């Protein structure tokens, strides 16, 4: 376990933000927290049960940075997705461990209260069979992500393709068949998102998702990162992953329309093989939209994705907005110190509840 520094984190003011060639900062919601990333560092901030905020800073190990020759339009999209997936696993692992520590601490306190007064009391920190504290490791998160990926392929590729194949009794047009397949895929996706949004824990994540967007929107509007300014901002953003997924699905209809309608296995494999191409095109669309987010035309084109974010984001509480603010300012802090020649090592800090 990394050492924790129980001290306030000193962040820079908005006037001291690092200039990174107009880098587009962003992040994702995690368990009771938010991850924000910059060009070289990322930070995860999580709210504990006792209301403290735990912040982790760490350098980014980017595949795209190592393969700079692929950092070209329509080629970088797939690698950017790999970077986001790896970063997401790290952020989720950190937040899951914080949540597990809080749950175990509560259980330990409960056991102490329920145990007879004449029995010896052991340490309050729950431990596994090997004597080490119970923690979520990268392997378990990775396996969960792989399982989720497999289910995603089945839900969004196999099932839509097989259902669309039944339409061959009415048409042999590959364009119509691919259109039907795409519409089925979008319908399943929207239904899935709407369904999981009913779960209490997912609603909490969606609230932090809204907090992330509010803080990013405030930053990109060149305003101070305050609760008052964040309250004026929307919970939707054109560069959101929700919009990206919807763009991918629409682009897949166009790209897959050029493919012949062969056997079921060939159709599924060909679509998976072309997924990096679809992702590359979609990435450029979202990137362009992010740089021209005031364009009414682009917002109209991306409107379905923005509407869908009304499901995947919820209005956050001030406490949740504060967590997103701390995460972004922690990234600013790491980037500024890097520019000053300070080597930033992975670290954790705790901001005590006010």
Protein backbone atom coordinates (compact mmCIF):
# COMPACT_ATOMS: atom_id res chain seq x y z
CA UNK A 1 0.00 0.00 0.00
CA UNK A 2 1.37 3.40 -0.95
CA UNK A 3 2.06 5.93 1.81
CA UNK A 4 -0.68 8.46 2.45
CA UNK A 5 -0.02 12.06 3.33
CA UNK A 6 -2.63 13.47 5.68
CA UNK A 7 -2.33 17.08 4.62
CA UNK A 8 -4.20 19.58 2.45
CA UNK A 9 -3.33 19.52 -1.24
CA UNK A 10 -2.08 22.88 -2.49
CA UNK A 11 -3.37 23.57 -5.99
CA UNK A 12 -2.72 26.34 -8.46
CA UNK A 13 -5.25 29.03 -9.29
CA UNK A 14 -6.95 29.18 -12.69
CA UNK A 15 -4.41 31.77 -13.82
CA UNK A 16 -1.66 29.21 -13.29
CA UNK A 17 -3.12 26.46 -15.46
CA UNK A 18 -0.46 24.71 -17.52
CA UNK A 19 -0.58 25.49 -21.22
CA UNK A 20 -0.51 22.21 -23.18
CA UNK A 21 -1.09 23.29 -26.79
CA UNK A 22 -4.82 23.52 -26.25
CA UNK A 23 -4.99 20.03 -24.75
CA UNK A 24 -8.57 18.91 -24.16
CA UNK A 25 -8.82 17.82 -20.54
CA UNK A 26 -11.39 15.19 -19.64
CA UNK A 27 -12.07 12.21 -17.46
CA UNK A 28 -14.61 9.70 -16.27
CA UNK A 29 -16.74 8.92 -13.25
CA UNK A 30 -15.65 6.11 -10.92
CA UNK A 31 -16.99 4.67 -7.67
CA UNK A 32 -17.74 7.67 -5.45
CA UNK A 33 -15.31 9.79 -7.41
CA UNK A 34 -13.93 11.23 -10.63
CA UNK A 35 -10.80 10.63 -12.68
CA UNK A 36 -9.33 13.52 -14.67
CA UNK A 37 -6.46 13.31 -17.13
CA UNK A 38 -4.03 15.73 -18.68
CA UNK A 39 -1.38 15.23 -21.38
CA UNK A 40 1.12 13.61 -18.98
CA UNK A 41 -0.65 12.93 -15.67
CA UNK A 42 -3.98 11.79 -14.36
CA UNK A 43 -5.62 12.10 -10.97
CA UNK A 44 -8.42 10.22 -9.22
CA UNK A 45 -10.37 11.84 -6.39
CA UNK A 46 -12.76 9.75 -4.27
CA UNK A 47 -15.06 10.71 -1.42
CA UNK A 48 -14.76 8.48 1.63
CA UNK A 49 -17.58 7.67 4.04
CA UNK A 50 -16.06 10.09 6.58
CA UNK A 51 -16.30 12.82 3.86
CA UNK A 52 -12.51 13.08 3.36
CA UNK A 53 -11.34 13.19 -0.26
CA UNK A 54 -8.57 10.80 -1.24
CA UNK A 55 -6.55 11.99 -4.25
CA UNK A 56 -4.09 9.90 -6.27
CA UNK A 57 -1.72 11.41 -8.84
CA UNK A 58 0.17 9.30 -11.35
CA UNK A 59 2.02 9.70 -14.67
CA UNK A 60 0.22 8.40 -17.77
CA UNK A 61 1.81 5.51 -19.63
CA UNK A 62 0.37 6.13 -23.08
CA UNK A 63 0.51 3.71 -26.00
CA UNK A 64 -0.19 6.62 -28.33
CA UNK A 65 2.79 8.54 -26.92
CA UNK A 66 5.07 5.54 -27.54
CA UNK A 67 3.82 5.06 -31.11
CA UNK A 68 3.90 8.69 -32.16
CA UNK A 69 4.05 7.78 -35.84
CA UNK A 70 0.45 6.55 -35.49
CA UNK A 71 -0.71 9.84 -33.95
CA UNK A 72 -2.39 10.84 -37.18
CA UNK A 73 -6.04 11.53 -38.00
CA UNK A 74 -8.11 8.35 -38.41
CA UNK A 75 -5.21 6.21 -37.11
CA UNK A 76 -5.01 7.49 -33.53
CA UNK A 77 -8.60 6.67 -32.58
CA UNK A 78 -8.07 2.97 -31.80
CA UNK A 79 -4.91 3.65 -29.75
CA UNK A 80 -6.66 6.47 -27.89
CA UNK A 81 -9.36 3.97 -26.93
CA UNK A 82 -6.72 1.55 -25.64
CA UNK A 83 -5.18 4.35 -23.56
CA UNK A 84 -8.60 5.25 -22.18
CA UNK A 85 -9.33 1.60 -21.32
CA UNK A 86 -6.03 1.13 -19.47
CA UNK A 87 -6.47 4.41 -17.62
CA UNK A 88 -10.04 3.50 -16.79
CA UNK A 89 -8.95 0.18 -15.27
CA UNK A 90 -6.42 1.98 -13.05
CA UNK A 91 -8.96 4.56 -11.93
CA UNK A 92 -11.64 1.94 -11.23
CA UNK A 93 -9.17 -0.21 -9.29
CA UNK A 94 -8.23 2.73 -7.09
CA UNK A 95 -11.82 3.76 -6.43
CA UNK A 96 -12.90 0.15 -5.80
CA UNK A 97 -10.15 -0.27 -3.22
CA UNK A 98 -11.19 2.93 -1.44
CA UNK A 99 -14.80 1.75 -1.38
CA UNK A 100 -13.76 -1.70 -0.13
CA UNK A 101 -11.66 -0.19 2.67
CA UNK A 102 -14.64 1.86 3.83
CA UNK A 103 -16.99 -1.14 3.74
CA UNK A 104 -14.52 -3.34 5.62
CA UNK A 105 -13.90 -0.64 8.21
CA UNK A 106 -17.65 -0.30 8.81
CA UNK A 107 -18.00 -4.07 9.16
CA UNK A 108 -15.10 -4.21 11.61
CA UNK A 109 -16.61 -1.47 13.76
CA UNK A 110 -19.96 -3.27 13.70
CA UNK A 111 -18.34 -6.54 14.82
CA UNK A 112 -16.56 -4.78 17.67
CA UNK A 113 -19.83 -3.27 18.88
CA UNK A 114 -21.62 -6.62 18.68
CA UNK A 115 -18.88 -8.72 20.30
CA UNK A 116 -19.03 -9.46 24.04
CA UNK A 117 -17.03 -7.04 26.18
CA UNK A 118 -14.97 -9.84 27.78
CA UNK A 119 -13.66 -11.18 24.45
CA UNK A 120 -10.32 -9.92 23.12
CA UNK A 121 -10.68 -7.55 20.18
CA UNK A 122 -8.49 -7.87 17.12
CA UNK A 123 -7.41 -5.20 14.68
CA UNK A 124 -10.23 -3.29 13.03
CA UNK A 125 -8.71 -3.74 9.59
CA UNK A 126 -10.18 -6.84 7.87
CA UNK A 127 -7.60 -9.13 6.33
CA UNK A 128 -7.60 -11.96 3.83
CA UNK A 129 -6.51 -15.51 4.57
CA UNK A 130 -2.85 -14.63 3.93
CA UNK A 131 -2.92 -11.84 6.52
CA UNK A 132 -2.97 -8.97 4.03
CA UNK A 133 -5.74 -6.35 3.83
CA UNK A 134 -8.47 -7.27 1.35
CA UNK A 135 -8.07 -5.22 -1.84
CA UNK A 136 -9.25 -5.25 -5.42
CA UNK A 137 -6.32 -5.95 -7.74
CA UNK A 138 -5.72 -5.01 -11.37
CA UNK A 139 -6.24 -8.63 -12.46
CA UNK A 140 -9.77 -8.85 -11.07
CA UNK A 141 -10.72 -5.53 -12.66
CA UNK A 142 -9.13 -6.59 -15.96
CA UNK A 143 -11.00 -9.92 -15.94
CA UNK A 144 -14.22 -8.07 -15.22
CA UNK A 145 -13.53 -5.73 -18.15
CA UNK A 146 -12.80 -8.71 -20.43
CA UNK A 147 -16.04 -10.37 -19.36
CA UNK A 148 -17.87 -7.10 -19.99
CA UNK A 149 -16.23 -6.84 -23.42
CA UNK A 150 -17.38 -10.37 -24.26
CA UNK A 151 -20.93 -9.59 -23.17
CA UNK A 152 -20.79 -6.35 -25.15
CA UNK A 153 -19.80 -8.20 -28.32
CA UNK A 154 -22.67 -10.61 -27.81
CA UNK A 155 -25.20 -7.90 -26.99
CA UNK A 156 -24.22 -5.28 -29.56
CA UNK A 157 -22.80 -7.38 -32.43
CA UNK A 158 -24.01 -10.97 -32.37
CA UNK A 159 -27.65 -10.42 -31.37
CA UNK A 160 -28.33 -7.42 -33.70
CA UNK A 161 -26.70 -9.26 -36.60
CA UNK A 162 -28.72 -12.43 -36.09
CA UNK A 163 -31.96 -10.49 -35.65
CA UNK A 164 -31.28 -8.44 -38.77
CA UNK A 165 -30.72 -11.65 -40.74
CA UNK A 166 -34.39 -12.53 -40.27
CA UNK A 167 -35.25 -9.51 -42.45
CA UNK A 168 -33.86 -11.34 -45.49
CA UNK A 169 -37.35 -12.76 -46.03
CA UNK A 170 -38.35 -9.22 -47.09
CA UNK A 171 -35.19 -7.81 -48.67
CA UNK A 172 -31.76 -8.88 -49.95
CA UNK A 173 -30.38 -5.34 -50.01
CA UNK A 174 -27.21 -5.19 -47.93
CA UNK A 175 -27.86 -1.49 -47.32
CA UNK A 176 -31.29 -2.16 -45.80
CA UNK A 177 -30.04 -5.15 -43.84
CA UNK A 178 -27.17 -3.14 -42.36
CA UNK A 179 -29.54 -0.29 -41.58
CA UNK A 180 -31.88 -2.65 -39.75
CA UNK A 181 -28.92 -4.18 -37.88
CA UNK A 182 -27.70 -0.71 -36.86
CA UNK A 183 -31.12 0.39 -35.64
CA UNK A 184 -31.46 -2.80 -33.57
CA UNK A 185 -27.99 -2.16 -32.08
CA UNK A 186 -28.88 1.42 -31.15
CA UNK A 187 -32.20 0.31 -29.65
CA UNK A 188 -30.46 -2.32 -27.49
CA UNK A 189 -27.86 0.23 -26.36
CA UNK A 190 -30.42 2.87 -25.38
CA UNK A 191 -32.51 0.25 -23.59
CA UNK A 192 -29.45 -1.06 -21.76
CA UNK A 193 -28.41 2.42 -20.60
CA UNK A 194 -31.96 3.25 -19.50
CA UNK A 195 -32.18 -0.06 -17.62
CA UNK A 196 -28.93 0.24 -15.67
CA UNK A 197 -29.75 3.85 -14.79
CA UNK A 198 -32.47 2.49 -12.51
CA UNK A 199 -29.86 0.89 -10.24
CA UNK A 200 -29.02 3.01 -7.19
CA UNK A 201 -25.24 2.52 -7.39
CA UNK A 202 -25.23 3.36 -11.10
CA UNK A 203 -27.22 6.53 -10.42
CA UNK A 204 -24.47 7.59 -8.01
CA UNK A 205 -21.87 7.07 -10.75
CA UNK A 206 -24.04 9.06 -13.18
CA UNK A 207 -24.16 11.90 -10.64
CA UNK A 208 -20.36 11.98 -10.54
CA UNK A 209 -20.44 11.83 -14.35
CA UNK A 210 -22.53 15.00 -14.26
CA UNK A 211 -20.07 16.60 -11.83
CA UNK A 212 -17.18 15.77 -14.17
CA UNK A 213 -18.95 17.45 -17.09
CA UNK A 214 -19.89 20.53 -15.08
CA UNK A 215 -16.29 21.10 -14.01
CA UNK A 216 -14.90 20.49 -17.51
CA UNK A 217 -17.51 22.84 -18.99
CA UNK A 218 -16.60 25.48 -16.41
CA UNK A 219 -12.91 25.12 -17.21
CA UNK A 220 -13.47 25.29 -20.97
CA UNK A 221 -15.58 28.42 -20.48
CA UNK A 222 -12.50 29.98 -18.79
CA UNK A 223 -14.31 30.49 -15.49
CA UNK A 224 -13.15 29.92 -11.93
CA UNK A 225 -13.73 26.39 -10.68
CA UNK A 226 -16.30 27.31 -8.08
CA UNK A 227 -19.62 25.77 -7.09
CA UNK A 228 -21.41 28.91 -8.24
CA UNK A 229 -19.90 28.73 -11.73
CA UNK A 230 -20.39 24.95 -11.99
CA UNK A 231 -24.08 25.35 -11.13
CA UNK A 232 -24.49 27.47 -14.27
CA UNK A 233 -23.11 24.70 -16.51
CA UNK A 234 -24.88 21.78 -18.10
CA UNK A 235 -24.19 18.14 -17.32
CA UNK A 236 -23.75 17.28 -21.04
CA UNK A 237 -20.62 17.59 -23.15
CA UNK A 238 -19.99 16.93 -26.84
CA UNK A 239 -16.84 14.89 -26.12
CA UNK A 240 -18.59 12.53 -23.71
CA UNK A 241 -18.08 8.80 -24.14
CA UNK A 242 -21.85 8.36 -24.40
CA UNK A 243 -21.92 10.55 -27.50
CA UNK A 244 -18.86 8.75 -28.83
CA UNK A 245 -20.53 5.34 -28.57
CA UNK A 246 -23.61 6.62 -30.37
CA UNK A 247 -21.43 8.13 -33.12
CA UNK A 248 -19.65 4.77 -33.42
CA UNK A 249 -22.99 3.02 -33.90
CA UNK A 250 -24.14 5.48 -36.55
CA UNK A 251 -20.78 5.32 -38.36
CA UNK A 252 -20.89 1.53 -38.25
CA UNK A 253 -24.13 1.60 -40.24
CA UNK A 254 -22.38 3.60 -42.98
CA UNK A 255 -19.13 1.60 -43.02
CA UNK A 256 -20.76 -1.83 -42.72
CA UNK A 257 -23.07 -1.02 -45.64
CA UNK A 258 -20.10 -1.60 -47.95
CA UNK A 259 -19.71 -5.17 -46.70
CA UNK A 260 -21.36 -8.14 -48.40
CA UNK A 261 -24.05 -10.00 -46.43
CA UNK A 262 -22.43 -13.40 -46.02
CA UNK A 263 -22.76 -16.09 -43.34
CA UNK A 264 -23.43 -15.06 -39.73
CA UNK A 265 -19.89 -15.80 -38.52
CA UNK A 266 -18.30 -13.96 -41.46
CA UNK A 267 -20.53 -10.94 -40.86
CA UNK A 268 -19.66 -10.76 -37.16
CA UNK A 269 -15.92 -11.22 -37.72
CA UNK A 270 -15.84 -8.63 -40.50
CA UNK A 271 -17.58 -6.09 -38.27
CA UNK A 272 -15.18 -6.69 -35.39
CA UNK A 273 -12.23 -6.36 -37.82
CA UNK A 274 -13.54 -3.00 -39.05
CA UNK A 275 -14.31 -1.70 -35.57
CA UNK A 276 -10.92 0.12 -35.29
CA UNK A 277 -11.72 1.89 -38.58
CA UNK A 278 -15.15 2.93 -37.30
CA UNK A 279 -13.62 4.01 -33.99
CA UNK A 280 -10.97 6.04 -35.81
CA UNK A 281 -13.55 7.95 -37.84
CA UNK A 282 -15.80 8.47 -34.80
CA UNK A 283 -12.86 9.71 -32.72
CA UNK A 284 -12.12 12.43 -35.27
CA UNK A 285 -15.79 13.46 -35.36
CA UNK A 286 -15.92 13.80 -31.56
CA UNK A 287 -12.53 15.53 -31.46
CA UNK A 288 -13.62 18.04 -34.09
CA UNK A 289 -16.88 18.63 -32.24
CA UNK A 290 -14.94 19.21 -29.02
CA UNK A 291 -12.91 21.96 -30.67
CA UNK A 292 -16.03 23.56 -32.14
CA UNK A 293 -18.51 22.90 -29.36
CA UNK A 294 -20.24 26.26 -29.88
CA UNK A 295 -21.22 25.30 -33.43
CA UNK A 296 -25.00 25.00 -33.67
CA UNK A 297 -24.66 22.71 -36.70
CA UNK A 298 -22.39 20.26 -34.93
CA UNK A 299 -24.57 20.24 -31.83
CA UNK A 300 -27.56 19.48 -34.04
CA UNK A 301 -25.72 16.57 -35.66
CA UNK A 302 -24.64 15.24 -32.26
CA UNK A 303 -27.99 16.00 -30.61
CA UNK A 304 -28.99 12.33 -30.12
CA UNK A 305 -25.80 11.73 -28.12
CA UNK A 306 -26.43 14.86 -26.06
CA UNK A 307 -30.00 13.72 -25.39
CA UNK A 308 -28.75 10.32 -24.29
CA UNK A 309 -26.46 12.02 -21.78
CA UNK A 310 -29.60 13.11 -19.96
CA UNK A 311 -29.70 9.46 -18.87
CA UNK A 312 -25.99 8.84 -18.27
CA UNK A 313 -25.52 12.04 -16.29
CA UNK A 314 -27.48 13.30 -13.29
CA UNK A 315 -27.45 16.58 -11.42
CA UNK A 316 -24.62 16.26 -8.87
CA UNK A 317 -24.54 17.48 -5.29
CA UNK A 318 -22.06 20.21 -4.23
CA UNK A 319 -19.95 17.49 -2.56
CA UNK A 320 -19.68 15.62 -5.85
CA UNK A 321 -18.77 18.77 -7.79
CA UNK A 322 -16.04 19.40 -5.22
CA UNK A 323 -14.58 15.94 -5.88
CA UNK A 324 -14.47 16.61 -9.64
CA UNK A 325 -12.86 20.01 -9.00
CA UNK A 326 -10.19 18.46 -6.77
CA UNK A 327 -9.40 15.84 -9.44
CA UNK A 328 -8.94 18.43 -12.20
CA UNK A 329 -6.90 20.80 -10.04
CA UNK A 330 -4.71 17.89 -9.00
CA UNK A 331 -3.92 17.26 -12.67
CA UNK A 332 -3.13 20.97 -13.15
CA UNK A 333 -0.82 20.75 -10.13
CA UNK A 334 1.07 17.75 -11.51
CA UNK A 335 1.42 19.28 -14.99
CA UNK A 336 2.66 22.61 -13.57
CA UNK A 337 5.25 20.91 -11.36
CA UNK A 338 6.39 18.79 -14.32
CA UNK A 339 6.93 21.96 -16.36
CA UNK A 340 9.00 23.29 -13.44
CA UNK A 341 11.29 20.28 -13.70
CA UNK A 342 9.88 18.34 -10.75
CA UNK A 343 9.64 14.58 -11.23
CA UNK A 344 6.16 13.46 -10.18
CA UNK A 345 5.96 10.03 -8.58
CA UNK A 346 2.71 8.14 -7.96
CA UNK A 347 1.30 9.44 -4.70
CA UNK A 348 -1.83 9.74 -2.59
CA UNK A 349 -3.04 12.67 -0.52
CA UNK A 350 -6.05 13.19 1.68
CA UNK A 351 -8.06 16.39 1.95
CA UNK A 352 -9.82 16.44 5.29
CA UNK A 353 -13.54 17.13 5.34
CA UNK A 354 -14.39 20.73 6.13
